[in-house]
Amino acid sequence: MVTDTWHCPGCGAQLEHVGVMTLDGSECSVFQCDTCVVSRPICGEPFDVALTFAINDAGQPFDPADDALL
């Protein structure tokens, strides 16, 4: 689902999309919340990064890094 704004699933802040990705032929808006921080393993080490998520066609947020529902 492509949309210009969405609320962060972590803190509820209204966000503007930072990009669009294609998943199984469907375009999904991608959002990033700099307020919400998550830890991600990078080269075996944990790093704190901004919460990044996309919205699928059903209007559900998911993590584009691991394709799991938030």
N, C-alpha and C. Protein backbone atom coordinates (compact mmCIF):
# COMPACT_ATOMS: atom_id res chain seq x y z
N MET A 1 0.85 -1.16 0.00
CA MET A 1 0.00 0.00 0.00
C MET A 1 0.91 1.24 0.00
N VAL A 2 0.63 2.15 -0.89
CA VAL A 2 1.41 3.39 -0.95
C VAL A 2 0.59 4.50 -0.31
N THR A 3 1.15 5.13 0.70
CA THR A 3 0.51 6.23 1.40
C THR A 3 1.60 7.22 1.82
N ASP A 4 1.25 8.48 1.92
CA ASP A 4 2.24 9.51 2.25
C ASP A 4 2.53 9.61 3.74
N THR A 5 1.53 9.29 4.60
CA THR A 5 1.72 9.40 6.04
C THR A 5 1.20 8.14 6.73
N TRP A 6 1.75 7.87 7.91
CA TRP A 6 1.31 6.73 8.73
C TRP A 6 1.76 6.99 10.15
N HIS A 7 1.08 6.40 11.10
CA HIS A 7 1.47 6.54 12.50
C HIS A 7 2.46 5.45 12.88
N CYS A 8 3.47 5.82 13.65
CA CYS A 8 4.48 4.88 14.12
C CYS A 8 3.81 3.84 15.01
N PRO A 9 4.07 2.53 14.77
CA PRO A 9 3.49 1.50 15.64
C PRO A 9 4.11 1.49 17.03
N GLY A 10 5.23 2.18 17.21
CA GLY A 10 5.89 2.24 18.51
C GLY A 10 5.39 3.37 19.38
N CYS A 11 5.46 4.60 18.87
CA CYS A 11 5.13 5.78 19.69
C CYS A 11 3.88 6.52 19.21
N GLY A 12 3.38 6.19 18.04
CA GLY A 12 2.17 6.83 17.54
C GLY A 12 2.39 8.13 16.79
N ALA A 13 3.64 8.57 16.65
CA ALA A 13 3.92 9.82 15.94
C ALA A 13 3.51 9.69 14.47
N GLN A 14 2.98 10.77 13.91
CA GLN A 14 2.65 10.76 12.48
C GLN A 14 3.94 10.98 11.68
N LEU A 15 4.18 10.07 10.74
CA LEU A 15 5.41 10.09 9.95
C LEU A 15 5.10 10.28 8.48
N GLU A 16 6.03 10.86 7.75
CA GLU A 16 5.95 10.94 6.30
C GLU A 16 6.81 9.83 5.73
N HIS A 17 6.37 9.25 4.60
CA HIS A 17 7.13 8.13 4.05
C HIS A 17 8.51 8.59 3.58
N VAL A 18 9.48 7.67 3.71
CA VAL A 18 10.86 7.97 3.31
C VAL A 18 11.22 7.26 2.01
N GLY A 19 10.30 6.45 1.51
CA GLY A 19 10.57 5.73 0.27
C GLY A 19 9.47 4.74 -0.03
N VAL A 20 9.66 4.03 -1.13
CA VAL A 20 8.72 3.00 -1.57
C VAL A 20 9.51 1.77 -1.96
N MET A 21 9.03 0.58 -1.55
CA MET A 21 9.68 -0.67 -1.94
C MET A 21 8.66 -1.53 -2.66
N THR A 22 9.14 -2.46 -3.45
CA THR A 22 8.27 -3.40 -4.15
C THR A 22 8.42 -4.76 -3.52
N LEU A 23 7.28 -5.39 -3.17
CA LEU A 23 7.27 -6.70 -2.54
C LEU A 23 6.21 -7.54 -3.23
N ASP A 24 6.64 -8.62 -3.85
CA ASP A 24 5.72 -9.51 -4.57
C ASP A 24 4.85 -8.75 -5.57
N GLY A 25 5.42 -7.78 -6.25
CA GLY A 25 4.71 -7.02 -7.27
C GLY A 25 3.88 -5.86 -6.74
N SER A 26 3.80 -5.70 -5.43
CA SER A 26 3.04 -4.60 -4.83
C SER A 26 3.99 -3.55 -4.27
N GLU A 27 3.63 -2.28 -4.43
CA GLU A 27 4.43 -1.21 -3.85
C GLU A 27 3.98 -0.94 -2.43
N CYS A 28 4.95 -0.74 -1.54
CA CYS A 28 4.68 -0.48 -0.13
C CYS A 28 5.44 0.77 0.29
N SER A 29 4.77 1.66 1.01
CA SER A 29 5.44 2.83 1.57
C SER A 29 6.33 2.40 2.72
N VAL A 30 7.50 3.05 2.83
CA VAL A 30 8.45 2.77 3.90
C VAL A 30 8.54 4.00 4.79
N PHE A 31 8.53 3.78 6.11
CA PHE A 31 8.58 4.85 7.10
C PHE A 31 9.71 4.61 8.07
N GLN A 32 10.21 5.69 8.67
CA GLN A 32 11.27 5.58 9.67
C GLN A 32 10.95 6.53 10.81
N CYS A 33 10.99 6.00 12.04
CA CYS A 33 10.76 6.82 13.23
C CYS A 33 12.07 6.95 13.98
N ASP A 34 12.61 8.16 14.03
CA ASP A 34 13.87 8.40 14.72
C ASP A 34 13.71 8.41 16.24
N THR A 35 12.48 8.51 16.73
CA THR A 35 12.23 8.48 18.16
C THR A 35 12.33 7.06 18.71
N CYS A 36 11.83 6.09 17.95
CA CYS A 36 11.84 4.70 18.38
C CYS A 36 13.11 4.01 17.87
N VAL A 37 13.86 3.44 18.77
CA VAL A 37 15.14 2.82 18.43
C VAL A 37 15.04 1.32 18.68
N VAL A 38 15.54 0.53 17.74
CA VAL A 38 15.59 -0.93 17.88
C VAL A 38 17.03 -1.39 17.68
N SER A 39 17.36 -2.52 18.23
CA SER A 39 18.70 -3.08 18.09
C SER A 39 18.70 -4.08 16.95
N ARG A 40 19.66 -3.97 16.04
CA ARG A 40 19.79 -4.86 14.89
C ARG A 40 21.21 -5.42 14.86
N PRO A 41 21.35 -6.72 14.59
CA PRO A 41 22.70 -7.27 14.44
C PRO A 41 23.28 -6.88 13.08
N ILE A 42 24.44 -6.27 13.09
CA ILE A 42 25.15 -5.91 11.86
C ILE A 42 26.56 -6.45 12.00
N CYS A 43 26.92 -7.38 11.12
CA CYS A 43 28.23 -8.06 11.17
C CYS A 43 28.45 -8.70 12.54
N GLY A 44 27.37 -9.24 13.11
CA GLY A 44 27.47 -9.94 14.38
C GLY A 44 27.44 -9.07 15.61
N GLU A 45 27.40 -7.77 15.44
CA GLU A 45 27.38 -6.83 16.57
C GLU A 45 26.03 -6.12 16.62
N PRO A 46 25.47 -5.91 17.83
CA PRO A 46 24.20 -5.18 17.92
C PRO A 46 24.41 -3.67 17.73
N PHE A 47 23.56 -3.08 16.90
CA PHE A 47 23.58 -1.64 16.67
C PHE A 47 22.18 -1.09 16.89
N ASP A 48 22.09 0.07 17.51
CA ASP A 48 20.81 0.75 17.67
C ASP A 48 20.52 1.55 16.41
N VAL A 49 19.33 1.33 15.83
CA VAL A 49 18.92 2.01 14.61
C VAL A 49 17.49 2.51 14.78
N ALA A 50 17.11 3.48 13.97
CA ALA A 50 15.74 3.99 13.98
C ALA A 50 14.77 2.91 13.51
N LEU A 51 13.60 2.86 14.13
CA LEU A 51 12.57 1.91 13.73
C LEU A 51 12.17 2.19 12.28
N THR A 52 12.32 1.20 11.43
CA THR A 52 11.95 1.31 10.02
C THR A 52 10.90 0.25 9.73
N PHE A 53 9.83 0.65 9.05
CA PHE A 53 8.77 -0.31 8.74
C PHE A 53 8.11 0.08 7.43
N ALA A 54 7.40 -0.87 6.85
CA ALA A 54 6.63 -0.65 5.63
C ALA A 54 5.19 -1.05 5.91
N ILE A 55 4.28 -0.64 5.02
CA ILE A 55 2.86 -0.96 5.16
C ILE A 55 2.46 -1.87 4.01
N ASN A 56 1.91 -3.06 4.34
CA ASN A 56 1.51 -4.00 3.29
C ASN A 56 0.14 -3.63 2.73
N ASP A 57 -0.33 -4.40 1.74
CA ASP A 57 -1.61 -4.11 1.09
C ASP A 57 -2.80 -4.19 2.05
N ALA A 58 -2.64 -4.94 3.14
CA ALA A 58 -3.71 -5.06 4.14
C ALA A 58 -3.67 -3.93 5.17
N GLY A 59 -2.71 -3.00 5.01
CA GLY A 59 -2.59 -1.89 5.94
C GLY A 59 -1.89 -2.26 7.24
N GLN A 60 -1.12 -3.35 7.22
CA GLN A 60 -0.39 -3.80 8.40
C GLN A 60 1.07 -3.40 8.30
N PRO A 61 1.65 -2.88 9.39
CA PRO A 61 3.08 -2.57 9.36
C PRO A 61 3.90 -3.85 9.43
N PHE A 62 5.03 -3.87 8.71
CA PHE A 62 5.95 -4.99 8.80
C PHE A 62 7.37 -4.47 8.65
N ASP A 63 8.30 -5.26 9.14
CA ASP A 63 9.71 -4.90 9.10
C ASP A 63 10.28 -5.37 7.77
N PRO A 64 10.68 -4.45 6.90
CA PRO A 64 11.19 -4.87 5.59
C PRO A 64 12.51 -5.62 5.68
N ALA A 65 13.22 -5.52 6.81
CA ALA A 65 14.49 -6.22 6.96
C ALA A 65 14.29 -7.72 7.15
N ASP A 66 13.19 -8.11 7.81
CA ASP A 66 12.97 -9.54 8.01
C ASP A 66 11.58 -9.99 7.58
N ASP A 67 10.80 -9.11 6.96
CA ASP A 67 9.50 -9.45 6.38
C ASP A 67 8.55 -10.04 7.41
N ALA A 68 8.65 -9.60 8.67
CA ALA A 68 7.77 -10.08 9.72
C ALA A 68 6.84 -8.95 10.16
N LEU A 69 5.63 -9.30 10.57
CA LEU A 69 4.72 -8.29 11.09
C LEU A 69 5.27 -7.75 12.39
N LEU A 70 5.14 -6.43 12.57
CA LEU A 70 5.57 -5.81 13.84
C LEU A 70 4.56 -6.12 14.92
